[in-house]
């Protein structure tokens, strides 16, 4: 369908203002309506098309036919495009809210395209039952990091329930100082709300919706509560949320706390360095004392060896001399005996 529409746009437009008809039709939801486009018999290969254009959507092809008699029918669940006597009609059975839009009847003859007529079809839905939407702003500016709860009160007529859907859908929008249009930030599925109805007759029903978040300095702006019902979106008066800048007292308190923390950290580092120094000093002294004692013991052993060596040599020499004297005595006795 989209390719066909782009092809039609590439065709040369024959007439667009002279005999072009623009009409507006307004009907209620569930009614029937018929849009008519004139069809003239021609020997040329002319074709007629119904195109729908809705804001925010792609163009939609609804049906086409020939200039000559043709019994082809295009049908959707509740829209029918077909030929009538000298016409090409578009019939709606039980219109819906989303049928609102522009409907174009286009005649195409080879490379020529002509807008036969344009109809703006407006579908009116039931009036919403909402009486008022009330938003109460916070009493004081908020500090960054604080939790803020915004409240939206929806007053509705409990006796007036004309919409098919009975529940409301709530949306929250925020418009910052640097934004031209509000943007959606949260959608409430209507599962958490408190509704109360007063016992008096014809008293409005009050439903309260809350939106909570932890704010930062960038969350300043105006917050809008919007309620979707009966095909419409109704906005509240808005709640302006201001961020409170830190005061001089807060800054001085923060600076004092920072100074105390820094001083405590510096003191801790000095104590740690002192303990490490004493521990290393004790370890060094113990190692030095152990080394000195070992050196003294080694020196005593060496002195003992030096003292013992001469005594041992002297004794060895005495024994050797005694042995020699004994051998000489025996030798003398043997020689004396031999002479005798």
C-alpha atoms as a PDB file:
ATOM      1  CA  UNK A   1       0.000   0.000   0.000  1.00  0.00           C
ATOM      2  CA  UNK A   2       2.754   2.403   0.918  1.00  0.00           C
ATOM      3  CA  UNK A   3       4.571   1.665  -2.353  1.00  0.00           C
ATOM      4  CA  UNK A   4       1.384   2.423  -4.263  1.00  0.00           C
ATOM      5  CA  UNK A   5       0.979   5.751  -2.479  1.00  0.00           C
ATOM      6  CA  UNK A   6       4.586   6.751  -3.234  1.00  0.00           C
ATOM      7  CA  UNK A   7       3.976   5.823  -6.866  1.00  0.00           C
ATOM      8  CA  UNK A   8       0.934   8.077  -6.905  1.00  0.00           C
ATOM      9  CA  UNK A   9       2.958  10.928  -5.495  1.00  0.00           C
ATOM     10  CA  UNK A  10       5.440  10.605  -8.347  1.00  0.00           C
ATOM     11  CA  UNK A  11       2.712  11.114 -10.909  1.00  0.00           C
ATOM     12  CA  UNK A  12       2.118  14.522 -12.447  1.00  0.00           C
ATOM     13  CA  UNK A  13      -0.719  16.332 -10.685  1.00  0.00           C
ATOM     14  CA  UNK A  14      -3.367  17.500 -13.120  1.00  0.00           C
ATOM     15  CA  UNK A  15      -5.706  19.609 -10.959  1.00  0.00           C
ATOM     16  CA  UNK A  16      -5.347  20.408  -7.301  1.00  0.00           C
ATOM     17  CA  UNK A  17      -7.261  23.662  -6.648  1.00  0.00           C
ATOM     18  CA  UNK A  18      -9.759  24.525  -9.415  1.00  0.00           C
ATOM     19  CA  UNK A  19     -12.458  21.911  -8.952  1.00  0.00           C
ATOM     20  CA  UNK A  20     -11.094  20.324  -5.810  1.00  0.00           C
ATOM     21  CA  UNK A  21     -13.763  19.811  -3.177  1.00  0.00           C
ATOM     22  CA  UNK A  22     -13.000  19.854   0.542  1.00  0.00           C
ATOM     23  CA  UNK A  23     -15.747  18.950   2.982  1.00  0.00           C
ATOM     24  CA  UNK A  24     -15.942  18.157   6.695  1.00  0.00           C
ATOM     25  CA  UNK A  25     -18.245  15.535   8.123  1.00  0.00           C
ATOM     26  CA  UNK A  26     -18.862  14.972  11.810  1.00  0.00           C
ATOM     27  CA  UNK A  27     -20.559  11.823  13.065  1.00  0.00           C
ATOM     28  CA  UNK A  28     -20.830  10.066  16.370  1.00  0.00           C
ATOM     29  CA  UNK A  29     -19.205   6.820  17.376  1.00  0.00           C
ATOM     30  CA  UNK A  30     -21.111   3.786  16.124  1.00  0.00           C
ATOM     31  CA  UNK A  31     -22.937   5.610  13.326  1.00  0.00           C
ATOM     32  CA  UNK A  32     -22.719   4.833   9.596  1.00  0.00           C
ATOM     33  CA  UNK A  33     -21.415   7.265   6.992  1.00  0.00           C
ATOM     34  CA  UNK A  34     -20.735   7.146   3.228  1.00  0.00           C
ATOM     35  CA  UNK A  35     -18.138   9.185   1.322  1.00  0.00           C
ATOM     36  CA  UNK A  36     -18.831   9.652  -2.416  1.00  0.00           C
ATOM     37  CA  UNK A  37     -16.490  10.304  -5.338  1.00  0.00           C
ATOM     38  CA  UNK A  38     -17.808  11.036  -8.855  1.00  0.00           C
ATOM     39  CA  UNK A  39     -16.967   8.374 -11.461  1.00  0.00           C
ATOM     40  CA  UNK A  40     -17.287   9.202 -15.170  1.00  0.00           C
ATOM     41  CA  UNK A  41     -17.129   6.583 -17.858  1.00  0.00           C
ATOM     42  CA  UNK A  42     -14.066   6.927 -20.037  1.00  0.00           C
ATOM     43  CA  UNK A  43     -12.393   5.040 -22.820  1.00  0.00           C
ATOM     44  CA  UNK A  44      -9.079   5.779 -21.182  1.00  0.00           C
ATOM     45  CA  UNK A  45      -7.612   3.492 -18.556  1.00  0.00           C
ATOM     46  CA  UNK A  46      -8.537   5.660 -15.610  1.00  0.00           C
ATOM     47  CA  UNK A  47      -8.559   4.358 -12.070  1.00  0.00           C
ATOM     48  CA  UNK A  48      -9.923   5.754  -8.825  1.00  0.00           C
ATOM     49  CA  UNK A  49      -8.439   5.288  -5.335  1.00  0.00           C
ATOM     50  CA  UNK A  50      -9.479   6.018  -1.782  1.00  0.00           C
ATOM     51  CA  UNK A  51      -6.535   7.003   0.458  1.00  0.00           C
ATOM     52  CA  UNK A  52      -6.726   7.729   4.205  1.00  0.00           C
ATOM     53  CA  UNK A  53      -4.214   9.989   5.955  1.00  0.00           C
ATOM     54  CA  UNK A  54      -4.136  10.115   9.750  1.00  0.00           C
ATOM     55  CA  UNK A  55      -1.687  12.296  11.659  1.00  0.00           C
ATOM     56  CA  UNK A  56       1.302  10.316  12.870  1.00  0.00           C
ATOM     57  CA  UNK A  57       0.639   7.305  10.600  1.00  0.00           C
ATOM     58  CA  UNK A  58       1.547   6.207   7.087  1.00  0.00           C
ATOM     59  CA  UNK A  59      -0.999   6.819   4.313  1.00  0.00           C
ATOM     60  CA  UNK A  60      -3.402   3.902   4.031  1.00  0.00           C
ATOM     61  CA  UNK A  61      -4.855   2.478   0.808  1.00  0.00           C
ATOM     62  CA  UNK A  62      -8.555   1.655   1.284  1.00  0.00           C
ATOM     63  CA  UNK A  63      -9.634   0.583  -2.213  1.00  0.00           C
ATOM     64  CA  UNK A  64      -9.499   1.211  -5.964  1.00  0.00           C
ATOM     65  CA  UNK A  65     -11.649   0.771  -9.060  1.00  0.00           C
ATOM     66  CA  UNK A  66     -11.822   1.469 -12.815  1.00  0.00           C
ATOM     67  CA  UNK A  67     -13.743   4.187 -14.626  1.00  0.00           C
ATOM     68  CA  UNK A  68     -15.794   1.541 -16.430  1.00  0.00           C
ATOM     69  CA  UNK A  69     -18.259  -0.740 -14.698  1.00  0.00           C
ATOM     70  CA  UNK A  70     -16.421  -2.972 -12.265  1.00  0.00           C
ATOM     71  CA  UNK A  71     -17.824  -5.166  -9.508  1.00  0.00           C
ATOM     72  CA  UNK A  72     -14.644  -5.450  -7.423  1.00  0.00           C
ATOM     73  CA  UNK A  73     -15.067  -4.679  -3.735  1.00  0.00           C
ATOM     74  CA  UNK A  74     -12.443  -3.830  -1.091  1.00  0.00           C
ATOM     75  CA  UNK A  75     -13.498  -4.601   2.453  1.00  0.00           C
ATOM     76  CA  UNK A  76     -11.962  -4.149   5.886  1.00  0.00           C
ATOM     77  CA  UNK A  77     -13.730  -5.103   9.155  1.00  0.00           C
ATOM     78  CA  UNK A  78     -16.002  -2.037   8.993  1.00  0.00           C
ATOM     79  CA  UNK A  79     -15.046  -0.128   5.783  1.00  0.00           C
ATOM     80  CA  UNK A  80     -16.148  -1.034   2.229  1.00  0.00           C
ATOM     81  CA  UNK A  81     -14.967   0.566  -1.049  1.00  0.00           C
ATOM     82  CA  UNK A  82     -17.059  -0.215  -4.151  1.00  0.00           C
ATOM     83  CA  UNK A  83     -18.717   1.291  -7.236  1.00  0.00           C
ATOM     84  CA  UNK A  84     -22.127   2.912  -7.190  1.00  0.00           C
ATOM     85  CA  UNK A  85     -24.161   4.412 -10.028  1.00  0.00           C
ATOM     86  CA  UNK A  86     -21.667   6.908 -11.464  1.00  0.00           C
ATOM     87  CA  UNK A  87     -19.795   6.979  -8.172  1.00  0.00           C
ATOM     88  CA  UNK A  88     -17.023   5.316  -6.218  1.00  0.00           C
ATOM     89  CA  UNK A  89     -18.110   5.183  -2.603  1.00  0.00           C
ATOM     90  CA  UNK A  90     -16.493   4.494   0.755  1.00  0.00           C
ATOM     91  CA  UNK A  91     -18.898   3.131   3.374  1.00  0.00           C
ATOM     92  CA  UNK A  92     -18.276   3.038   7.160  1.00  0.00           C
ATOM     93  CA  UNK A  93     -20.272   0.637   9.317  1.00  0.00           C
ATOM     94  CA  UNK A  94     -20.331   1.598  13.011  1.00  0.00           C
ATOM     95  CA  UNK A  95     -17.599   4.233  12.992  1.00  0.00           C
ATOM     96  CA  UNK A  96     -14.848   4.209  15.567  1.00  0.00           C
ATOM     97  CA  UNK A  97     -12.835   6.988  17.181  1.00  0.00           C
ATOM     98  CA  UNK A  98      -9.704   6.068  15.244  1.00  0.00           C
ATOM     99  CA  UNK A  99     -11.563   6.596  11.940  1.00  0.00           C
ATOM    100  CA  UNK A 100     -11.006  10.341  12.262  1.00  0.00           C
ATOM    101  CA  UNK A 101      -8.718  11.641   9.515  1.00  0.00           C
ATOM    102  CA  UNK A 102      -8.438  12.912   5.936  1.00  0.00           C
ATOM    103  CA  UNK A 103      -9.887  10.824   3.087  1.00  0.00           C
ATOM    104  CA  UNK A 104      -8.750  11.516  -0.473  1.00  0.00           C
ATOM    105  CA  UNK A 105     -10.389  10.351  -3.699  1.00  0.00           C
ATOM    106  CA  UNK A 106      -7.718  10.315  -6.415  1.00  0.00           C
ATOM    107  CA  UNK A 107      -8.171   9.723 -10.153  1.00  0.00           C
ATOM    108  CA  UNK A 108      -5.142   8.459 -12.075  1.00  0.00           C
ATOM    109  CA  UNK A 109      -4.909   8.487 -15.887  1.00  0.00           C
ATOM    110  CA  UNK A 110      -1.582   7.104 -17.004  1.00  0.00           C
ATOM    111  CA  UNK A 111       0.907   9.644 -15.579  1.00  0.00           C
ATOM    112  CA  UNK A 112      -1.697  12.220 -14.566  1.00  0.00           C
ATOM    113  CA  UNK A 113      -3.095  12.314 -11.030  1.00  0.00           C
ATOM    114  CA  UNK A 114      -6.110  14.362 -10.017  1.00  0.00           C
ATOM    115  CA  UNK A 115      -7.538  14.916  -6.531  1.00  0.00           C
ATOM    116  CA  UNK A 116     -11.297  14.577  -6.977  1.00  0.00           C
ATOM    117  CA  UNK A 117     -12.267  15.542  -3.416  1.00  0.00           C
ATOM    118  CA  UNK A 118     -10.991  15.576   0.142  1.00  0.00           C
ATOM    119  CA  UNK A 119     -13.096  14.822   3.195  1.00  0.00           C
ATOM    120  CA  UNK A 120     -12.131  15.408   6.785  1.00  0.00           C
ATOM    121  CA  UNK A 121     -14.074  12.881   8.802  1.00  0.00           C
ATOM    122  CA  UNK A 122     -14.391  13.733  12.491  1.00  0.00           C
ATOM    123  CA  UNK A 123     -15.705  11.103  14.863  1.00  0.00           C
ATOM    124  CA  UNK A 124     -17.182  12.438  18.080  1.00  0.00           C
ATOM    125  CA  UNK A 125     -16.959  10.187  21.099  1.00  0.00           C
ATOM    126  CA  UNK A 126     -18.867  10.340  24.359  1.00  0.00           C
ATOM    127  CA  UNK A 127     -18.060  13.201  26.671  1.00  0.00           C
ATOM    128  CA  UNK A 128     -15.616  12.275  29.436  1.00  0.00           C
ATOM    129  CA  UNK A 129     -16.937  11.966  32.951  1.00  0.00           C
ATOM    130  CA  UNK A 130     -14.045  13.941  34.447  1.00  0.00           C
ATOM    131  CA  UNK A 131     -15.020  17.149  36.206  1.00  0.00           C
ATOM    132  CA  UNK A 132     -11.618  18.449  37.259  1.00  0.00           C
ATOM    133  CA  UNK A 133      -7.970  17.462  37.706  1.00  0.00           C
ATOM    134  CA  UNK A 134      -6.287  19.027  40.733  1.00  0.00           C
ATOM    135  CA  UNK A 135      -2.544  19.086  41.437  1.00  0.00           C
ATOM    136  CA  UNK A 136      -1.201  20.456  44.725  1.00  0.00           C
ATOM    137  CA  UNK A 137       2.419  21.720  44.526  1.00  0.00           C
ATOM    138  CA  UNK A 138       4.948  21.007  47.313  1.00  0.00           C
ATOM    139  CA  UNK A 139       5.009  23.675  50.001  1.00  0.00           C
ATOM    140  CA  UNK A 140       8.795  24.164  50.023  1.00  0.00           C
ATOM    141  CA  UNK A 141      11.621  23.737  47.510  1.00  0.00           C
ATOM    142  CA  UNK A 142      13.207  20.316  47.617  1.00  0.00           C
ATOM    143  CA  UNK A 143      16.829  19.402  48.274  1.00  0.00           C
ATOM    144  CA  UNK A 144      18.638  17.227  45.705  1.00  0.00           C
ATOM    145  CA  UNK A 145      18.584  13.623  46.891  1.00  0.00           C
ATOM    146  CA  UNK A 146      15.253  13.960  48.679  1.00  0.00           C
ATOM    147  CA  UNK A 147      12.241  11.743  47.923  1.00  0.00           C
ATOM    148  CA  UNK A 148       9.323  13.756  46.518  1.00  0.00           C
ATOM    149  CA  UNK A 149       5.725  12.566  46.148  1.00  0.00           C
ATOM    150  CA  UNK A 150       3.469  14.419  43.700  1.00  0.00           C
ATOM    151  CA  UNK A 151      -0.281  14.022  44.041  1.00  0.00           C
ATOM    152  CA  UNK A 152      -2.990  14.203  41.384  1.00  0.00           C
ATOM    153  CA  UNK A 153      -6.675  14.243  42.358  1.00  0.00           C
ATOM    154  CA  UNK A 154      -9.203  13.358  39.632  1.00  0.00           C
ATOM    155  CA  UNK A 155     -12.815  14.352  40.207  1.00  0.00           C
ATOM    156  CA  UNK A 156     -15.357  12.490  38.074  1.00  0.00           C
ATOM    157  CA  UNK A 157     -19.113  12.220  37.840  1.00  0.00           C
ATOM    158  CA  UNK A 158     -19.994   8.832  39.265  1.00  0.00           C
ATOM    159  CA  UNK A 159     -23.424   8.978  37.612  1.00  0.00           C
ATOM    160  CA  UNK A 160     -22.037   9.732  34.139  1.00  0.00           C
ATOM    161  CA  UNK A 161     -20.420   6.617  32.707  1.00  0.00           C
ATOM    162  CA  UNK A 162     -20.702   7.069  28.967  1.00  0.00           C
ATOM    163  CA  UNK A 163     -17.297   5.690  27.919  1.00  0.00           C
ATOM    164  CA  UNK A 164     -16.865   2.037  27.020  1.00  0.00           C
ATOM    165  CA  UNK A 165     -13.826   1.892  29.257  1.00  0.00           C
ATOM    166  CA  UNK A 166     -14.686   2.795  32.827  1.00  0.00           C
ATOM    167  CA  UNK A 167     -11.146   3.132  34.156  1.00  0.00           C
ATOM    168  CA  UNK A 168      -8.826   6.072  33.704  1.00  0.00           C
ATOM    169  CA  UNK A 169      -5.211   5.868  32.570  1.00  0.00           C
ATOM    170  CA  UNK A 170      -2.901   8.384  34.206  1.00  0.00           C
ATOM    171  CA  UNK A 171       0.292   9.752  32.669  1.00  0.00           C
ATOM    172  CA  UNK A 172       2.923  12.076  34.109  1.00  0.00           C
ATOM    173  CA  UNK A 173       4.727  14.610  31.933  1.00  0.00           C
ATOM    174  CA  UNK A 174       7.599  16.943  32.770  1.00  0.00           C
ATOM    175  CA  UNK A 175       8.454  20.250  31.098  1.00  0.00           C
ATOM    176  CA  UNK A 176      11.932  21.471  32.007  1.00  0.00           C
ATOM    177  CA  UNK A 177      13.197  25.002  31.651  1.00  0.00           C
ATOM    178  CA  UNK A 178      15.087  24.037  28.487  1.00  0.00           C
ATOM    179  CA  UNK A 179      12.239  22.052  26.859  1.00  0.00           C
ATOM    180  CA  UNK A 180       9.478  23.547  24.709  1.00  0.00           C
ATOM    181  CA  UNK A 181       7.069  20.604  25.111  1.00  0.00           C
ATOM    182  CA  UNK A 182       6.390  18.271  28.043  1.00  0.00           C
ATOM    183  CA  UNK A 183       7.762  14.759  27.713  1.00  0.00           C
ATOM    184  CA  UNK A 184       6.321  11.552  29.126  1.00  0.00           C
ATOM    185  CA  UNK A 185       8.141  10.249  32.200  1.00  0.00           C
ATOM    186  CA  UNK A 186       5.689   7.745  33.710  1.00  0.00           C
ATOM    187  CA  UNK A 187       2.467   5.883  32.864  1.00  0.00           C
ATOM    188  CA  UNK A 188       0.222   4.570  35.633  1.00  0.00           C
ATOM    189  CA  UNK A 189      -1.659   1.401  34.742  1.00  0.00           C
ATOM    190  CA  UNK A 190      -4.460   2.342  37.154  1.00  0.00           C
ATOM    191  CA  UNK A 191      -3.591  -0.531  39.466  1.00  0.00           C
ATOM    192  CA  UNK A 192      -2.614   1.568  42.489  1.00  0.00           C
ATOM    193  CA  UNK A 193      -5.082   4.359  43.252  1.00  0.00           C
ATOM    194  CA  UNK A 194      -7.479   5.332  45.955  1.00  0.00           C
ATOM    195  CA  UNK A 195     -10.999   6.331  44.997  1.00  0.00           C
ATOM    196  CA  UNK A 196     -13.668   7.536  47.344  1.00  0.00           C
ATOM    197  CA  UNK A 197     -17.329   8.340  46.753  1.00  0.00           C
ATOM    198  CA  UNK A 198     -19.301  10.524  49.100  1.00  0.00           C
ATOM    199  CA  UNK A 199     -22.678   9.163  50.229  1.00  0.00           C
ATOM    200  CA  UNK A 200     -24.463  12.352  49.148  1.00  0.00           C
ATOM    201  CA  UNK A 201     -26.405  12.102  45.910  1.00  0.00           C
ATOM    202  CA  UNK A 202     -24.730  13.420  42.760  1.00  0.00           C
ATOM    203  CA  UNK A 203     -21.452  13.899  44.625  1.00  0.00           C
ATOM    204  CA  UNK A 204     -18.282  13.557  42.496  1.00  0.00           C
ATOM    205  CA  UNK A 205     -15.982  10.615  42.832  1.00  0.00           C
ATOM    206  CA  UNK A 206     -12.412  11.476  43.858  1.00  0.00           C
ATOM    207  CA  UNK A 207      -9.446   9.333  42.813  1.00  0.00           C
ATOM    208  CA  UNK A 208      -5.946  10.118  44.058  1.00  0.00           C
ATOM    209  CA  UNK A 209      -2.841   9.168  42.063  1.00  0.00           C
ATOM    210  CA  UNK A 210       0.676   9.532  43.469  1.00  0.00           C
ATOM    211  CA  UNK A 211       4.008   9.774  41.703  1.00  0.00           C
ATOM    212  CA  UNK A 212       7.191   9.479  43.800  1.00  0.00           C
ATOM    213  CA  UNK A 213      10.834   9.783  42.844  1.00  0.00           C
ATOM    214  CA  UNK A 214      14.204  10.753  44.291  1.00  0.00           C
ATOM    215  CA  UNK A 215      15.020  14.083  42.700  1.00  0.00           C
ATOM    216  CA  UNK A 216      18.299  15.597  41.545  1.00  0.00           C
ATOM    217  CA  UNK A 217      19.172  19.136  40.532  1.00  0.00           C
ATOM    218  CA  UNK A 218      18.242  18.308  36.904  1.00  0.00           C
ATOM    219  CA  UNK A 219      14.676  17.265  37.847  1.00  0.00           C
ATOM    220  CA  UNK A 220      13.455  20.818  38.341  1.00  0.00           C
ATOM    221  CA  UNK A 221      10.511  21.783  36.141  1.00  0.00           C
ATOM    222  CA  UNK A 222       6.748  21.591  35.860  1.00  0.00           C
ATOM    223  CA  UNK A 223       5.068  18.190  36.258  1.00  0.00           C
ATOM    224  CA  UNK A 224       1.685  17.577  34.612  1.00  0.00           C
ATOM    225  CA  UNK A 225      -0.834  14.883  35.474  1.00  0.00           C
ATOM    226  CA  UNK A 226      -2.768  13.760  32.374  1.00  0.00           C
ATOM    227  CA  UNK A 227      -5.785  11.436  32.316  1.00  0.00           C
ATOM    228  CA  UNK A 228      -6.790   9.477  29.204  1.00  0.00           C
ATOM    229  CA  UNK A 229     -10.480   8.669  28.943  1.00  0.00           C
ATOM    230  CA  UNK A 230     -13.141   8.527  26.225  1.00  0.00           C
ATOM    231  CA  UNK A 231     -10.512   8.916  23.498  1.00  0.00           C
ATOM    232  CA  UNK A 232      -9.253  12.192  24.978  1.00  0.00           C
ATOM    233  CA  UNK A 233      -6.344  13.273  27.154  1.00  0.00           C
ATOM    234  CA  UNK A 234      -7.070  15.872  29.828  1.00  0.00           C
ATOM    235  CA  UNK A 235      -4.206  17.724  31.556  1.00  0.00           C
ATOM    236  CA  UNK A 236      -4.044  19.081  35.064  1.00  0.00           C
ATOM    237  CA  UNK A 237      -2.870  22.554  36.017  1.00  0.00           C
ATOM    238  CA  UNK A 238       0.707  21.386  36.592  1.00  0.00           C
ATOM    239  CA  UNK A 239       2.983  21.261  39.631  1.00  0.00           C
ATOM    240  CA  UNK A 240       6.184  23.299  39.633  1.00  0.00           C
ATOM    241  CA  UNK A 241       9.063  21.582  41.382  1.00  0.00           C
ATOM    242  CA  UNK A 242      11.970  23.798  42.475  1.00  0.00           C
ATOM    243  CA  UNK A 243      15.345  22.611  43.710  1.00  0.00           C
ATOM    244  CA  UNK A 244      16.723  24.370  46.791  1.00  0.00           C
ATOM    245  CA  UNK A 245      20.340  25.471  46.386  1.00  0.00           C
ATOM    246  CA  UNK A 246      22.680  24.630  49.294  1.00  0.00           C
ATOM    247  CA  UNK A 247      22.880  27.500  51.843  1.00  0.00           C
ATOM    248  CA  UNK A 248      26.063  28.999  53.297  1.00  0.00           C
ATOM    249  CA  UNK A 249      25.404  27.099  56.528  1.00  0.00           C
ATOM    250  CA  UNK A 250      25.222  23.823  54.608  1.00  0.00           C
ATOM    251  CA  UNK A 251      28.445  24.645  52.762  1.00  0.00           C
ATOM    252  CA  UNK A 252      30.246  25.550  56.010  1.00  0.00           C
ATOM    253  CA  UNK A 253      29.013  22.360  57.649  1.00  0.00           C
ATOM    254  CA  UNK A 254      30.178  20.311  54.679  1.00  0.00           C
ATOM    255  CA  UNK A 255      33.592  22.048  54.712  1.00  0.00           C
ATOM    256  CA  UNK A 256      33.962  21.441  58.470  1.00  0.00           C
ATOM    257  CA  UNK A 257      33.081  17.776  58.066  1.00  0.00           C
ATOM    258  CA  UNK A 258      35.567  17.479  55.203  1.00  0.00           C
ATOM    259  CA  UNK A 259      38.294  19.136  57.315  1.00  0.00           C
ATOM    260  CA  UNK A 260      37.657  16.803  60.260  1.00  0.00           C
ATOM    261  CA  UNK A 261      37.754  13.740  58.038  1.00  0.00           C
ATOM    262  CA  UNK A 262      41.013  14.928  56.438  1.00  0.00           C
ATOM    263  CA  UNK A 263      42.561  15.594  59.867  1.00  0.00           C
ATOM    264  CA  UNK A 264      41.543  12.166  61.132  1.00  0.00           C
ATOM    265  CA  UNK A 265      43.021  10.548  58.033  1.00  0.00           C
ATOM    266  CA  UNK A 266      46.302  12.452  58.423  1.00  0.00           C
ATOM    267  CA  UNK A 267      46.539  11.490  62.123  1.00  0.00           C
ATOM    268  CA  UNK A 268      45.928   7.844  61.273  1.00  0.00           C
ATOM    269  CA  UNK A 269      48.712   7.905  58.686  1.00  0.00           C
ATOM    270  CA  UNK A 270      51.168   9.459  61.184  1.00  0.00           C
ATOM    271  CA  UNK A 271      50.350   6.811  63.812  1.00  0.00           C
ATOM    272  CA  UNK A 272      50.783   4.018  61.280  1.00  0.00           C
ATOM    273  CA  UNK A 273      54.173   5.374  60.148  1.00  0.00           C
ATOM    274  CA  UNK A 274      55.326   5.694  63.803  1.00  0.00           C
ATOM    275  CA  UNK A 275      54.306   2.110  64.618  1.00  0.00           C
ATOM    276  CA  UNK A 276      56.066   0.780  61.536  1.00  0.00           C
ATOM    277  CA  UNK A 277      59.241   2.702  62.468  1.00  0.00           C
ATOM    278  CA  UNK A 278      59.300   1.339  66.039  1.00  0.00           C
ATOM    279  CA  UNK A 279      58.637  -2.205  64.859  1.00  0.00           C
ATOM    280  CA  UNK A 280      61.488  -2.069  62.346  1.00  0.00           C
ATOM    281  CA  UNK A 281      63.796  -0.499  64.967  1.00  0.00           C
ATOM    282  CA  UNK A 282      63.129  -3.298  67.474  1.00  0.00           C
ATOM    283  CA  UNK A 283      63.680  -5.944  64.818  1.00  0.00           C
ATOM    284  CA  UNK A 284      67.007  -4.333  63.788  1.00  0.00           C
ATOM    285  CA  UNK A 285      68.289  -4.154  67.391  1.00  0.00           C
ATOM    286  CA  UNK A 286      67.374  -7.791  68.065  1.00  0.00           C
ATOM    287  CA  UNK A 287      69.176  -8.928  64.904  1.00  0.00           C
ATOM    288  CA  UNK A 288      72.264  -6.837  65.827  1.00  0.00           C
ATOM    289  CA  UNK A 289      72.410  -8.313  69.368  1.00  0.00           C
ATOM    290  CA  UNK A 290      72.125 -11.840  68.003  1.00  0.00           C
ATOM    291  CA  UNK A 291      74.927 -11.194  65.519  1.00  0.00           C
ATOM    292  CA  UNK A 292      77.202  -9.707  68.266  1.00  0.00           C
ATOM    293  CA  UNK A 293      76.686 -12.751  70.540  1.00  0.00           C
ATOM    294  CA  UNK A 294      77.517 -15.127  67.723  1.00  0.00           C
ATOM    295  CA  UNK A 295      80.707 -13.211  66.967  1.00  0.00           C
ATOM    296  CA  UNK A 296      81.831 -13.323  70.631  1.00  0.00           C
ATOM    297  CA  UNK A 297      81.279 -17.099  70.802  1.00  0.00           C
ATOM    298  CA  UNK A 298      83.324 -17.599  67.655  1.00  0.00           C
ATOM    299  CA  UNK A 299      86.172 -15.508  69.062  1.00  0.00           C
ATOM    300  CA  UNK A 300      86.252 -17.524  72.313  1.00  0.00           C
ATOM    301  CA  UNK A 301      86.415 -20.762  70.354  1.00  0.00           C
ATOM    302  CA  UNK A 302      89.296 -19.484  68.291  1.00  0.00           C
ATOM    303  CA  UNK A 303      91.188 -18.332  71.420  1.00  0.00           C
ATOM    304  CA  UNK A 304      90.643 -21.711  73.040  1.00  0.00           C
ATOM    305  CA  UNK A 305      92.060 -23.458  70.004  1.00  0.00           C
ATOM    306  CA  UNK A 306      95.049 -21.188  69.936  1.00  0.00           C
ATOM    307  CA  UNK A 307      95.779 -21.783  73.647  1.00  0.00           C
ATOM    308  CA  UNK A 308      95.354 -25.560  73.389  1.00  0.00           C
ATOM    309  CA  UNK A 309      97.684 -26.003  70.383  1.00  0.00           C
ATOM    310  CA  UNK A 310     101.066 -25.175  72.147  1.00  0.00           C
ATOM    311  CA  UNK A 311     100.287 -27.374  75.149  1.00  0.00           C
ATOM    312  CA  UNK A 312      99.442 -30.299  72.920  1.00  0.00           C
ATOM    313  CA  UNK A 313     102.694 -29.849  70.933  1.00  0.00           C
ATOM    314  CA  UNK A 314     104.789 -29.636  74.117  1.00  0.00           C
ATOM    315  CA  UNK A 315     103.342 -32.848  75.500  1.00  0.00           C
ATOM    316  CA  UNK A 316     103.884 -34.600  72.200  1.00  0.00           C
ATOM    317  CA  UNK A 317     107.545 -33.574  72.156  1.00  0.00           C
ATOM    318  CA  UNK A 318     108.080 -34.758  75.749  1.00  0.00           C
ATOM    319  CA  UNK A 319     106.647 -38.162  74.906  1.00  0.00           C
ATOM    320  CA  UNK A 320     108.853 -38.403  71.854  1.00  0.00           C
ATOM    321  CA  UNK A 321     112.006 -37.509  73.883  1.00  0.00           C
ATOM    322  CA  UNK A 322     111.104 -40.041  76.578  1.00  0.00           C
ATOM    323  CA  UNK A 323     110.739 -42.736  73.969  1.00  0.00           C
ATOM    324  CA  UNK A 324     114.080 -41.868  72.440  1.00  0.00           C
ATOM    325  CA  UNK A 325     115.785 -41.993  75.861  1.00  0.00           C
ATOM    326  CA  UNK A 326     114.247 -45.371  76.558  1.00  0.00           C
ATOM    327  CA  UNK A 327     115.431 -46.750  73.230  1.00  0.00           C
ATOM    328  CA  UNK A 328     118.937 -45.400  73.863  1.00  0.00           C
ATOM    329  CA  UNK A 329     119.036 -47.097  77.329  1.00  0.00           C
ATOM    330  CA  UNK A 330     117.965 -50.432  75.872  1.00  0.00           C
ATOM    331  CA  UNK A 331     120.558 -50.134  73.141  1.00  0.00           C
ATOM    332  CA  UNK A 332     123.310 -49.395  75.725  1.00  0.00           C
ATOM    333  CA  UNK A 333     122.327 -52.394  77.842  1.00  0.00           C
ATOM    334  CA  UNK A 334     122.391 -54.662  74.831  1.00  0.00           C
ATOM    335  CA  UNK A 335     125.908 -53.547  73.859  1.00  0.00           C
ATOM    336  CA  UNK A 336     127.175 -53.995  77.399  1.00  0.00           C
ATOM    337  CA  UNK A 337     125.839 -57.502  77.562  1.00  0.00           C
ATOM    338  CA  UNK A 338     127.472 -58.364  74.265  1.00  0.00           C
ATOM    339  CA  UNK A 339     130.904 -57.275  75.476  1.00  0.00           C
ATOM    340  CA  UNK A 340     130.795 -59.348  78.533  1.00  0.00           C
END
